[in-house]
Amino acid sequence: MITHIVQFQFKASLAPEKVQETCTHLISLKDKCLHPTTKQPYIRSFKAGKQDSPEGNHNGITHVFVMEFESDQDREYYLTKDPAHLGFVQTLDGLIEKSQVVDFTEGVF
């Protein structure tokens, strides 16, 4: 499994409704991203929420999205070819102050 973590800091001027709409759109990819061969959803799990750590080390990040992919091939398809994901990325223009993406494979150091 590959864990894919996306973190956003939305622009402060953005209406809360637009933030919610964008988050809902990203979460919907769990069902909209279909494997090119099987035509079935291939994101194995999806969790999301607003940053609420009391530690104060979030560096402005406000929203976190965590996905799991079965393989590097699935992640690669998602990042470079999946029309649902690529369409979502196009909607982010002008909405994001800062983003960070990190991936890991559990136990691989």
PDB file of N, CA and C in Angstrom:
ATOM      1  N   MET A   1       0.831  -1.185   0.000  1.00  0.00           N
ATOM      2  CA  MET A   1       0.000   0.000   0.000  1.00  0.00           C
ATOM      3  C   MET A   1       0.878   1.253   0.000  1.00  0.00           C
ATOM      4  N   ILE A   2       0.446   2.223  -0.755  1.00  0.00           N
ATOM      5  CA  ILE A   2       1.096   3.526  -0.773  1.00  0.00           C
ATOM      6  C   ILE A   2       0.122   4.528  -0.180  1.00  0.00           C
ATOM      7  N   THR A   3       0.577   5.248   0.831  1.00  0.00           N
ATOM      8  CA  THR A   3      -0.234   6.286   1.455  1.00  0.00           C
ATOM      9  C   THR A   3       0.135   7.622   0.831  1.00  0.00           C
ATOM     10  N   HIS A   4      -0.863   8.343   0.366  1.00  0.00           N
ATOM     11  CA  HIS A   4      -0.711   9.622  -0.344  1.00  0.00           C
ATOM     12  C   HIS A   4      -1.401  10.683   0.502  1.00  0.00           C
ATOM     13  N   ILE A   5      -0.633  11.654   1.006  1.00  0.00           N
ATOM     14  CA  ILE A   5      -1.164  12.679   1.902  1.00  0.00           C
ATOM     15  C   ILE A   5      -1.084  14.033   1.212  1.00  0.00           C
ATOM     16  N   VAL A   6      -2.223  14.682   1.094  1.00  0.00           N
ATOM     17  CA  VAL A   6      -2.325  16.005   0.478  1.00  0.00           C
ATOM     18  C   VAL A   6      -2.750  16.989   1.563  1.00  0.00           C
ATOM     19  N   GLN A   7      -2.018  18.103   1.666  1.00  0.00           N
ATOM     20  CA  GLN A   7      -2.322  19.110   2.676  1.00  0.00           C
ATOM     21  C   GLN A   7      -2.484  20.461   1.994  1.00  0.00           C
ATOM     22  N   PHE A   8      -3.523  21.185   2.375  1.00  0.00           N
ATOM     23  CA  PHE A   8      -3.807  22.497   1.791  1.00  0.00           C
ATOM     24  C   PHE A   8      -3.894  23.571   2.867  1.00  0.00           C
ATOM     25  N   GLN A   9      -3.475  24.750   2.478  1.00  0.00           N
ATOM     26  CA  GLN A   9      -3.837  25.979   3.175  1.00  0.00           C
ATOM     27  C   GLN A   9      -4.618  26.775   2.147  1.00  0.00           C
ATOM     28  N   PHE A  10      -5.905  26.908   2.372  1.00  0.00           N
ATOM     29  CA  PHE A  10      -6.730  27.679   1.459  1.00  0.00           C
ATOM     30  C   PHE A  10      -6.453  29.170   1.667  1.00  0.00           C
ATOM     31  N   LYS A  11      -6.635  29.960   0.618  1.00  0.00           N
ATOM     32  CA  LYS A  11      -6.457  31.402   0.732  1.00  0.00           C
ATOM     33  C   LYS A  11      -7.449  31.956   1.754  1.00  0.00           C
ATOM     34  N   ALA A  12      -6.983  32.877   2.575  1.00  0.00           N
ATOM     35  CA  ALA A  12      -7.802  33.444   3.646  1.00  0.00           C
ATOM     36  C   ALA A  12      -9.035  34.161   3.110  1.00  0.00           C
ATOM     37  N   SER A  13      -8.944  34.684   1.896  1.00  0.00           N
ATOM     38  CA  SER A  13     -10.066  35.426   1.311  1.00  0.00           C
ATOM     39  C   SER A  13     -11.160  34.520   0.745  1.00  0.00           C
ATOM     40  N   LEU A  14     -10.913  33.222   0.729  1.00  0.00           N
ATOM     41  CA  LEU A  14     -11.861  32.285   0.126  1.00  0.00           C
ATOM     42  C   LEU A  14     -13.095  32.104   1.013  1.00  0.00           C
ATOM     43  N   ALA A  15     -14.258  32.156   0.414  1.00  0.00           N
ATOM     44  CA  ALA A  15     -15.508  31.945   1.149  1.00  0.00           C
ATOM     45  C   ALA A  15     -15.547  30.522   1.713  1.00  0.00           C
ATOM     46  N   PRO A  16     -16.045  30.350   2.925  1.00  0.00           N
ATOM     47  CA  PRO A  16     -16.139  29.015   3.516  1.00  0.00           C
ATOM     48  C   PRO A  16     -16.900  28.022   2.635  1.00  0.00           C
ATOM     49  N   GLU A  17     -17.894  28.508   1.898  1.00  0.00           N
ATOM     50  CA  GLU A  17     -18.659  27.631   1.006  1.00  0.00           C
ATOM     51  C   GLU A  17     -17.774  27.073  -0.115  1.00  0.00           C
ATOM     52  N   LYS A  18     -16.841  27.895  -0.594  1.00  0.00           N
ATOM     53  CA  LYS A  18     -15.939  27.446  -1.659  1.00  0.00           C
ATOM     54  C   LYS A  18     -14.940  26.423  -1.116  1.00  0.00           C
ATOM     55  N   VAL A  19     -14.475  26.635   0.107  1.00  0.00           N
ATOM     56  CA  VAL A  19     -13.593  25.656   0.751  1.00  0.00           C
ATOM     57  C   VAL A  19     -14.328  24.324   0.869  1.00  0.00           C
ATOM     58  N   GLN A  20     -15.565  24.359   1.366  1.00  0.00           N
ATOM     59  CA  GLN A  20     -16.357  23.137   1.533  1.00  0.00           C
ATOM     60  C   GLN A  20     -16.591  22.453   0.184  1.00  0.00           C
ATOM     61  N   GLU A  21     -16.924  23.234  -0.821  1.00  0.00           N
ATOM     62  CA  GLU A  21     -17.151  22.680  -2.164  1.00  0.00           C
ATOM     63  C   GLU A  21     -15.897  21.985  -2.690  1.00  0.00           C
ATOM     64  N   THR A  22     -14.748  22.603  -2.488  1.00  0.00           N
ATOM     65  CA  THR A  22     -13.489  22.030  -2.965  1.00  0.00           C
ATOM     66  C   THR A  22     -13.161  20.748  -2.216  1.00  0.00           C
ATOM     67  N   CYS A  23     -13.361  20.757  -0.903  1.00  0.00           N
ATOM     68  CA  CYS A  23     -13.108  19.546  -0.106  1.00  0.00           C
ATOM     69  C   CYS A  23     -14.043  18.413  -0.529  1.00  0.00           C
ATOM     70  N   THR A  24     -15.302  18.728  -0.715  1.00  0.00           N
ATOM     71  CA  THR A  24     -16.283  17.722  -1.146  1.00  0.00           C
ATOM     72  C   THR A  24     -15.908  17.152  -2.503  1.00  0.00           C
ATOM     73  N   HIS A  25     -15.436  18.006  -3.402  1.00  0.00           N
ATOM     74  CA  HIS A  25     -15.026  17.552  -4.730  1.00  0.00           C
ATOM     75  C   HIS A  25     -13.852  16.583  -4.614  1.00  0.00           C
ATOM     76  N   LEU A  26     -12.840  16.939  -3.813  1.00  0.00           N
ATOM     77  CA  LEU A  26     -11.687  16.050  -3.668  1.00  0.00           C
ATOM     78  C   LEU A  26     -12.110  14.717  -3.052  1.00  0.00           C
ATOM     79  N   ILE A  27     -12.929  14.752  -2.030  1.00  0.00           N
ATOM     80  CA  ILE A  27     -13.393  13.516  -1.386  1.00  0.00           C
ATOM     81  C   ILE A  27     -14.174  12.638  -2.367  1.00  0.00           C
ATOM     82  N   SER A  28     -14.898  13.257  -3.280  1.00  0.00           N
ATOM     83  CA  SER A  28     -15.697  12.495  -4.246  1.00  0.00           C
ATOM     84  C   SER A  28     -14.835  11.672  -5.201  1.00  0.00           C
ATOM     85  N   LEU A  29     -13.550  12.001  -5.288  1.00  0.00           N
ATOM     86  CA  LEU A  29     -12.672  11.239  -6.182  1.00  0.00           C
ATOM     87  C   LEU A  29     -12.564   9.775  -5.763  1.00  0.00           C
ATOM     88  N   LYS A  30     -12.816   9.478  -4.498  1.00  0.00           N
ATOM     89  CA  LYS A  30     -12.787   8.082  -4.023  1.00  0.00           C
ATOM     90  C   LYS A  30     -13.702   7.215  -4.877  1.00  0.00           C
ATOM     91  N   ASP A  31     -14.829   7.761  -5.311  1.00  0.00           N
ATOM     92  CA  ASP A  31     -15.774   7.007  -6.132  1.00  0.00           C
ATOM     93  C   ASP A  31     -15.666   7.323  -7.619  1.00  0.00           C
ATOM     94  N   LYS A  32     -15.150   8.496  -7.954  1.00  0.00           N
ATOM     95  CA  LYS A  32     -15.088   8.917  -9.355  1.00  0.00           C
ATOM     96  C   LYS A  32     -13.848   8.447 -10.096  1.00  0.00           C
ATOM     97  N   CYS A  33     -12.771   8.170  -9.366  1.00  0.00           N
ATOM     98  CA  CYS A  33     -11.545   7.693 -10.014  1.00  0.00           C
ATOM     99  C   CYS A  33     -11.690   6.193 -10.272  1.00  0.00           C
ATOM    100  N   LEU A  34     -11.763   5.848 -11.534  1.00  0.00           N
ATOM    101  CA  LEU A  34     -11.991   4.456 -11.933  1.00  0.00           C
ATOM    102  C   LEU A  34     -10.756   3.887 -12.617  1.00  0.00           C
ATOM    103  N   HIS A  35     -10.438   2.655 -12.282  1.00  0.00           N
ATOM    104  CA  HIS A  35      -9.291   1.965 -12.872  1.00  0.00           C
ATOM    105  C   HIS A  35      -9.505   1.851 -14.376  1.00  0.00           C
ATOM    106  N   PRO A  36      -8.460   2.105 -15.180  1.00  0.00           N
ATOM    107  CA  PRO A  36      -8.647   2.108 -16.630  1.00  0.00           C
ATOM    108  C   PRO A  36      -9.052   0.749 -17.211  1.00  0.00           C
ATOM    109  N   THR A  37      -8.717  -0.335 -16.538  1.00  0.00           N
ATOM    110  CA  THR A  37      -9.047  -1.662 -17.045  1.00  0.00           C
ATOM    111  C   THR A  37     -10.342  -2.203 -16.444  1.00  0.00           C
ATOM    112  N   THR A  38     -10.450  -2.159 -15.116  1.00  0.00           N
ATOM    113  CA  THR A  38     -11.602  -2.758 -14.442  1.00  0.00           C
ATOM    114  C   THR A  38     -12.812  -1.826 -14.385  1.00  0.00           C
ATOM    115  N   LYS A  39     -12.569  -0.525 -14.561  1.00  0.00           N
ATOM    116  CA  LYS A  39     -13.624   0.492 -14.462  1.00  0.00           C
ATOM    117  C   LYS A  39     -14.243   0.539 -13.064  1.00  0.00           C
ATOM    118  N   GLN A  40     -13.491   0.086 -12.073  1.00  0.00           N
ATOM    119  CA  GLN A  40     -13.907   0.106 -10.676  1.00  0.00           C
ATOM    120  C   GLN A  40     -13.070   1.138  -9.913  1.00  0.00           C
ATOM    121  N   PRO A  41     -13.612   1.698  -8.813  1.00  0.00           N
ATOM    122  CA  PRO A  41     -12.810   2.618  -7.998  1.00  0.00           C
ATOM    123  C   PRO A  41     -11.539   1.916  -7.513  1.00  0.00           C
ATOM    124  N   TYR A  42     -10.428   2.621  -7.526  1.00  0.00           N
ATOM    125  CA  TYR A  42      -9.156   2.008  -7.149  1.00  0.00           C
ATOM    126  C   TYR A  42      -8.458   2.712  -5.986  1.00  0.00           C
ATOM    127  N   ILE A  43      -9.015   3.809  -5.489  1.00  0.00           N
ATOM    128  CA  ILE A  43      -8.480   4.411  -4.268  1.00  0.00           C
ATOM    129  C   ILE A  43      -8.981   3.529  -3.133  1.00  0.00           C
ATOM    130  N   ARG A  44      -8.056   2.859  -2.425  1.00  0.00           N
ATOM    131  CA  ARG A  44      -8.425   1.844  -1.433  1.00  0.00           C
ATOM    132  C   ARG A  44      -9.073   2.435  -0.193  1.00  0.00           C
ATOM    133  N   SER A  45      -8.597   3.587   0.248  1.00  0.00           N
ATOM    134  CA  SER A  45      -9.221   4.254   1.392  1.00  0.00           C
ATOM    135  C   SER A  45      -9.011   5.752   1.251  1.00  0.00           C
ATOM    136  N   PHE A  46      -9.876   6.503   1.910  1.00  0.00           N
ATOM    137  CA  PHE A  46      -9.811   7.961   1.819  1.00  0.00           C
ATOM    138  C   PHE A  46     -10.305   8.538   3.139  1.00  0.00           C
ATOM    139  N   LYS A  47      -9.465   9.341   3.768  1.00  0.00           N
ATOM    140  CA  LYS A  47      -9.829  10.046   4.996  1.00  0.00           C
ATOM    141  C   LYS A  47      -9.524  11.516   4.788  1.00  0.00           C
ATOM    142  N   ALA A  48     -10.304  12.373   5.403  1.00  0.00           N
ATOM    143  CA  ALA A  48     -10.075  13.807   5.233  1.00  0.00           C
ATOM    144  C   ALA A  48     -10.620  14.563   6.431  1.00  0.00           C
ATOM    145  N   GLY A  49     -10.036  15.731   6.681  1.00  0.00           N
ATOM    146  CA  GLY A  49     -10.543  16.570   7.749  1.00  0.00           C
ATOM    147  C   GLY A  49      -9.766  17.863   7.870  1.00  0.00           C
ATOM    148  N   LYS A  50     -10.273  18.711   8.729  1.00  0.00           N
ATOM    149  CA  LYS A  50      -9.643  20.002   8.992  1.00  0.00           C
ATOM    150  C   LYS A  50      -8.566  19.810  10.056  1.00  0.00           C
ATOM    151  N   GLN A  51      -7.449  20.481   9.874  1.00  0.00           N
ATOM    152  CA  GLN A  51      -6.336  20.414  10.807  1.00  0.00           C
ATOM    153  C   GLN A  51      -6.809  20.840  12.194  1.00  0.00           C
ATOM    154  N   ASP A  52      -6.498  20.036  13.209  1.00  0.00           N
ATOM    155  CA  ASP A  52      -6.862  20.445  14.565  1.00  0.00           C
ATOM    156  C   ASP A  52      -5.810  20.061  15.603  1.00  0.00           C
ATOM    157  N   SER A  53      -4.564  19.960  15.173  1.00  0.00           N
ATOM    158  CA  SER A  53      -3.488  19.633  16.104  1.00  0.00           C
ATOM    159  C   SER A  53      -3.243  20.796  17.067  1.00  0.00           C
ATOM    160  N   PRO A  54      -3.141  20.511  18.351  1.00  0.00           N
ATOM    161  CA  PRO A  54      -2.870  21.567  19.329  1.00  0.00           C
ATOM    162  C   PRO A  54      -1.383  21.916  19.439  1.00  0.00           C
ATOM    163  N   GLU A  55      -0.525  21.229  18.683  1.00  0.00           N
ATOM    164  CA  GLU A  55       0.914  21.421  18.815  1.00  0.00           C
ATOM    165  C   GLU A  55       1.426  22.735  18.214  1.00  0.00           C
ATOM    166  N   GLY A  56       0.668  23.305  17.267  1.00  0.00           N
ATOM    167  CA  GLY A  56       1.086  24.566  16.672  1.00  0.00           C
ATOM    168  C   GLY A  56       2.150  24.454  15.609  1.00  0.00           C
ATOM    169  N   ASN A  57       2.347  23.263  15.062  1.00  0.00           N
ATOM    170  CA  ASN A  57       3.379  23.059  14.038  1.00  0.00           C
ATOM    171  C   ASN A  57       2.797  22.814  12.651  1.00  0.00           C
ATOM    172  N   HIS A  58       1.595  23.273  12.397  1.00  0.00           N
ATOM    173  CA  HIS A  58       0.949  22.984  11.122  1.00  0.00           C
ATOM    174  C   HIS A  58       1.361  23.938  10.010  1.00  0.00           C
ATOM    175  N   ASN A  59       2.108  24.977  10.330  1.00  0.00           N
ATOM    176  CA  ASN A  59       2.648  25.898   9.318  1.00  0.00           C
ATOM    177  C   ASN A  59       1.598  26.422   8.347  1.00  0.00           C
ATOM    178  N   GLY A  60       0.411  26.690   8.857  1.00  0.00           N
ATOM    179  CA  GLY A  60      -0.650  27.263   8.039  1.00  0.00           C
ATOM    180  C   GLY A  60      -1.536  26.260   7.335  1.00  0.00           C
ATOM    181  N   ILE A  61      -1.154  24.985   7.327  1.00  0.00           N
ATOM    182  CA  ILE A  61      -1.968  23.948   6.682  1.00  0.00           C
ATOM    183  C   ILE A  61      -3.304  23.862   7.417  1.00  0.00           C
ATOM    184  N   THR A  62      -4.399  23.845   6.659  1.00  0.00           N
ATOM    185  CA  THR A  62      -5.728  23.834   7.272  1.00  0.00           C
ATOM    186  C   THR A  62      -6.520  22.559   7.016  1.00  0.00           C
ATOM    187  N   HIS A  63      -6.235  21.853   5.916  1.00  0.00           N
ATOM    188  CA  HIS A  63      -7.034  20.684   5.542  1.00  0.00           C
ATOM    189  C   HIS A  63      -6.104  19.553   5.085  1.00  0.00           C
ATOM    190  N   VAL A  64      -6.459  18.329   5.475  1.00  0.00           N
ATOM    191  CA  VAL A  64      -5.619  17.170   5.185  1.00  0.00           C
ATOM    192  C   VAL A  64      -6.473  16.074   4.554  1.00  0.00           C
ATOM    193  N   PHE A  65      -5.917  15.437   3.523  1.00  0.00           N
ATOM    194  CA  PHE A  65      -6.587  14.360   2.785  1.00  0.00           C
ATOM    195  C   PHE A  65      -5.604  13.194   2.679  1.00  0.00           C
ATOM    196  N   VAL A  66      -6.028  12.014   3.102  1.00  0.00           N
ATOM    197  CA  VAL A  66      -5.152  10.842   3.124  1.00  0.00           C
ATOM    198  C   VAL A  66      -5.797   9.736   2.301  1.00  0.00           C
ATOM    199  N   MET A  67      -5.067   9.297   1.276  1.00  0.00           N
ATOM    200  CA  MET A  67      -5.546   8.232   0.391  1.00  0.00           C
ATOM    201  C   MET A  67      -4.569   7.070   0.408  1.00  0.00           C
ATOM    202  N   GLU A  68      -5.076   5.893   0.140  1.00  0.00           N
ATOM    203  CA  GLU A  68      -4.207   4.729  -0.015  1.00  0.00           C
ATOM    204  C   GLU A  68      -4.435   4.114  -1.388  1.00  0.00           C
ATOM    205  N   PHE A  69      -3.310   3.766  -2.011  1.00  0.00           N
ATOM    206  CA  PHE A  69      -3.320   3.087  -3.302  1.00  0.00           C
ATOM    207  C   PHE A  69      -2.678   1.722  -3.137  1.00  0.00           C
ATOM    208  N   GLU A  70      -3.213   0.753  -3.855  1.00  0.00           N
ATOM    209  CA  GLU A  70      -2.712  -0.616  -3.784  1.00  0.00           C
ATOM    210  C   GLU A  70      -1.298  -0.741  -4.337  1.00  0.00           C
ATOM    211  N   SER A  71      -0.977   0.066  -5.359  1.00  0.00           N
ATOM    212  CA  SER A  71       0.320  -0.087  -6.033  1.00  0.00           C
ATOM    213  C   SER A  71       0.835   1.248  -6.545  1.00  0.00           C
ATOM    214  N   ASP A  72       2.104   1.260  -6.873  1.00  0.00           N
ATOM    215  CA  ASP A  72       2.715   2.436  -7.484  1.00  0.00           C
ATOM    216  C   ASP A  72       2.059   2.733  -8.835  1.00  0.00           C
ATOM    217  N   GLN A  73       1.643   1.697  -9.547  1.00  0.00           N
ATOM    218  CA  GLN A  73       0.985   1.885 -10.842  1.00  0.00           C
ATOM    219  C   GLN A  73      -0.348   2.617 -10.682  1.00  0.00           C
ATOM    220  N   ASP A  74      -1.102   2.258  -9.641  1.00  0.00           N
ATOM    221  CA  ASP A  74      -2.372   2.946  -9.382  1.00  0.00           C
ATOM    222  C   ASP A  74      -2.127   4.411  -9.032  1.00  0.00           C
ATOM    223  N   ARG A  75      -1.132   4.652  -8.192  1.00  0.00           N
ATOM    224  CA  ARG A  75      -0.821   6.037  -7.831  1.00  0.00           C
ATOM    225  C   ARG A  75      -0.367   6.823  -9.056  1.00  0.00           C
ATOM    226  N   GLU A  76       0.453   6.227  -9.873  1.00  0.00           N
ATOM    227  CA  GLU A  76       0.951   6.898 -11.085  1.00  0.00           C
ATOM    228  C   GLU A  76      -0.202   7.245 -12.033  1.00  0.00           C
ATOM    229  N   TYR A  77      -1.135   6.314 -12.195  1.00  0.00           N
ATOM    230  CA  TYR A  77      -2.300   6.587 -13.041  1.00  0.00           C
ATOM    231  C   TYR A  77      -3.100   7.752 -12.477  1.00  0.00           C
ATOM    232  N   TYR A  78      -3.328   7.733 -11.164  1.00  0.00           N
ATOM    233  CA  TYR A  78      -4.069   8.800 -10.491  1.00  0.00           C
ATOM    234  C   TYR A  78      -3.405  10.161 -10.744  1.00  0.00           C
ATOM    235  N   LEU A  79      -2.108  10.213 -10.569  1.00  0.00           N
ATOM    236  CA  LEU A  79      -1.388  11.480 -10.670  1.00  0.00           C
ATOM    237  C   LEU A  79      -1.263  12.007 -12.093  1.00  0.00           C
ATOM    238  N   THR A  80      -1.164  11.128 -13.071  1.00  0.00           N
ATOM    239  CA  THR A  80      -0.813  11.582 -14.420  1.00  0.00           C
ATOM    240  C   THR A  80      -1.872  11.371 -15.493  1.00  0.00           C
ATOM    241  N   LYS A  81      -2.859  10.484 -15.245  1.00  0.00           N
ATOM    242  CA  LYS A  81      -3.787  10.155 -16.327  1.00  0.00           C
ATOM    243  C   LYS A  81      -5.264  10.167 -15.957  1.00  0.00           C
ATOM    244  N   ASP A  82      -5.581   9.982 -14.684  1.00  0.00           N
ATOM    245  CA  ASP A  82      -6.985   9.850 -14.320  1.00  0.00           C
ATOM    246  C   ASP A  82      -7.731  11.151 -14.617  1.00  0.00           C
ATOM    247  N   PRO A  83      -8.728  11.117 -15.507  1.00  0.00           N
ATOM    248  CA  PRO A  83      -9.417  12.353 -15.883  1.00  0.00           C
ATOM    249  C   PRO A  83     -10.160  13.015 -14.717  1.00  0.00           C
ATOM    250  N   ALA A  84     -10.671  12.235 -13.775  1.00  0.00           N
ATOM    251  CA  ALA A  84     -11.376  12.815 -12.624  1.00  0.00           C
ATOM    252  C   ALA A  84     -10.402  13.609 -11.752  1.00  0.00           C
ATOM    253  N   HIS A  85      -9.234  13.041 -11.494  1.00  0.00           N
ATOM    254  CA  HIS A  85      -8.233  13.739 -10.681  1.00  0.00           C
ATOM    255  C   HIS A  85      -7.674  14.949 -11.417  1.00  0.00           C
ATOM    256  N   LEU A  86      -7.333  14.780 -12.672  1.00  0.00           N
ATOM    257  CA  LEU A  86      -6.777  15.901 -13.438  1.00  0.00           C
ATOM    258  C   LEU A  86      -7.784  17.044 -13.551  1.00  0.00           C
ATOM    259  N   GLY A  87      -9.054  16.718 -13.686  1.00  0.00           N
ATOM    260  CA  GLY A  87     -10.095  17.739 -13.720  1.00  0.00           C
ATOM    261  C   GLY A  87     -10.192  18.480 -12.396  1.00  0.00           C
ATOM    262  N   PHE A  88     -10.069  17.749 -11.284  1.00  0.00           N
ATOM    263  CA  PHE A  88     -10.085  18.391  -9.976  1.00  0.00           C
ATOM    264  C   PHE A  88      -8.923  19.362  -9.829  1.00  0.00           C
ATOM    265  N   VAL A  89      -7.735  18.941 -10.216  1.00  0.00           N
ATOM    266  CA  VAL A  89      -6.541  19.785 -10.085  1.00  0.00           C
ATOM    267  C   VAL A  89      -6.752  21.122 -10.799  1.00  0.00           C
ATOM    268  N   GLN A  90      -7.415  21.104 -11.923  1.00  0.00           N
ATOM    269  CA  GLN A  90      -7.664  22.341 -12.675  1.00  0.00           C
ATOM    270  C   GLN A  90      -8.561  23.307 -11.909  1.00  0.00           C
ATOM    271  N   THR A  91      -9.383  22.806 -10.999  1.00  0.00           N
ATOM    272  CA  THR A  91     -10.292  23.680 -10.241  1.00  0.00           C
ATOM    273  C   THR A  91      -9.589  24.415  -9.100  1.00  0.00           C
ATOM    274  N   LEU A  92      -8.342  24.062  -8.806  1.00  0.00           N
ATOM    275  CA  LEU A  92      -7.638  24.636  -7.658  1.00  0.00           C
ATOM    276  C   LEU A  92      -7.014  25.999  -7.938  1.00  0.00           C
ATOM    277  N   ASP A  93      -6.950  26.395  -9.179  1.00  0.00           N
ATOM    278  CA  ASP A  93      -6.297  27.647  -9.541  1.00  0.00           C
ATOM    279  C   ASP A  93      -6.902  28.819  -8.768  1.00  0.00           C
ATOM    280  N   GLY A  94      -6.066  29.534  -8.020  1.00  0.00           N
ATOM    281  CA  GLY A  94      -6.505  30.697  -7.271  1.00  0.00           C
ATOM    282  C   GLY A  94      -7.108  30.410  -5.911  1.00  0.00           C
ATOM    283  N   LEU A  95      -7.182  29.130  -5.508  1.00  0.00           N
ATOM    284  CA  LEU A  95      -7.817  28.773  -4.242  1.00  0.00           C
ATOM    285  C   LEU A  95      -6.818  28.460  -3.122  1.00  0.00           C
ATOM    286  N   ILE A  96      -5.631  28.037  -3.504  1.00  0.00           N
ATOM    287  CA  ILE A  96      -4.680  27.479  -2.546  1.00  0.00           C
ATOM    288  C   ILE A  96      -3.535  28.453  -2.277  1.00  0.00           C
ATOM    289  N   GLU A  97      -3.315  28.718  -1.006  1.00  0.00           N
ATOM    290  CA  GLU A  97      -2.177  29.532  -0.581  1.00  0.00           C
ATOM    291  C   GLU A  97      -0.916  28.682  -0.552  1.00  0.00           C
ATOM    292  N   LYS A  98      -1.066  27.464  -0.017  1.00  0.00           N
ATOM    293  CA  LYS A  98       0.072  26.567   0.135  1.00  0.00           C
ATOM    294  C   LYS A  98      -0.441  25.140   0.056  1.00  0.00           C
ATOM    295  N   SER A  99       0.364  24.271  -0.548  1.00  0.00           N
ATOM    296  CA  SER A  99       0.026  22.851  -0.547  1.00  0.00           C
ATOM    297  C   SER A  99       1.287  22.046  -0.298  1.00  0.00           C
ATOM    298  N   GLN A 100       1.072  20.863   0.210  1.00  0.00           N
ATOM    299  CA  GLN A 100       2.175  19.938   0.431  1.00  0.00           C
ATOM    300  C   GLN A 100       1.648  18.536   0.191  1.00  0.00           C
ATOM    301  N   VAL A 101       2.434  17.731  -0.486  1.00  0.00           N
ATOM    302  CA  VAL A 101       2.054  16.342  -0.756  1.00  0.00           C
ATOM    303  C   VAL A 101       3.215  15.458  -0.346  1.00  0.00           C
ATOM    304  N   VAL A 102       2.916  14.454   0.453  1.00  0.00           N
ATOM    305  CA  VAL A 102       3.921  13.457   0.831  1.00  0.00           C
ATOM    306  C   VAL A 102       3.296  12.070   0.675  1.00  0.00           C
ATOM    307  N   ASP A 103       4.118  11.148   0.255  1.00  0.00           N
ATOM    308  CA  ASP A 103       3.700   9.758   0.096  1.00  0.00           C
ATOM    309  C   ASP A 103       4.663   8.878   0.883  1.00  0.00           C
ATOM    310  N   PHE A 104       4.162   7.718   1.314  1.00  0.00           N
ATOM    311  CA  PHE A 104       5.056   6.751   1.918  1.00  0.00           C
ATOM    312  C   PHE A 104       4.496   5.344   1.765  1.00  0.00           C
ATOM    313  N   THR A 105       5.403   4.394   1.822  1.00  0.00           N
ATOM    314  CA  THR A 105       5.049   2.988   1.878  1.00  0.00           C
ATOM    315  C   THR A 105       5.378   2.536   3.286  1.00  0.00           C
ATOM    316  N   GLU A 106       4.389   2.007   3.991  1.00  0.00           N
ATOM    317  CA  GLU A 106       4.574   1.640   5.392  1.00  0.00           C
ATOM    318  C   GLU A 106       5.754   0.687   5.565  1.00  0.00           C
ATOM    319  N   GLY A 107       6.619   1.018   6.512  1.00  0.00           N
ATOM    320  CA  GLY A 107       7.757   0.176   6.839  1.00  0.00           C
ATOM    321  C   GLY A 107       8.978   0.379   5.971  1.00  0.00           C
ATOM    322  N   VAL A 108       8.881   1.196   4.941  1.00  0.00           N
ATOM    323  CA  VAL A 108      10.026   1.458   4.067  1.00  0.00           C
ATOM    324  C   VAL A 108      10.674   2.753   4.520  1.00  0.00           C
ATOM    325  N   PHE A 109      11.928   2.657   4.973  1.00  0.00           N
ATOM    326  CA  PHE A 109      12.650   3.810   5.481  1.00  0.00           C
ATOM    327  C   PHE A 109      13.910   4.077   4.673  1.00  0.00           C
TER     328      PHE A 109
END
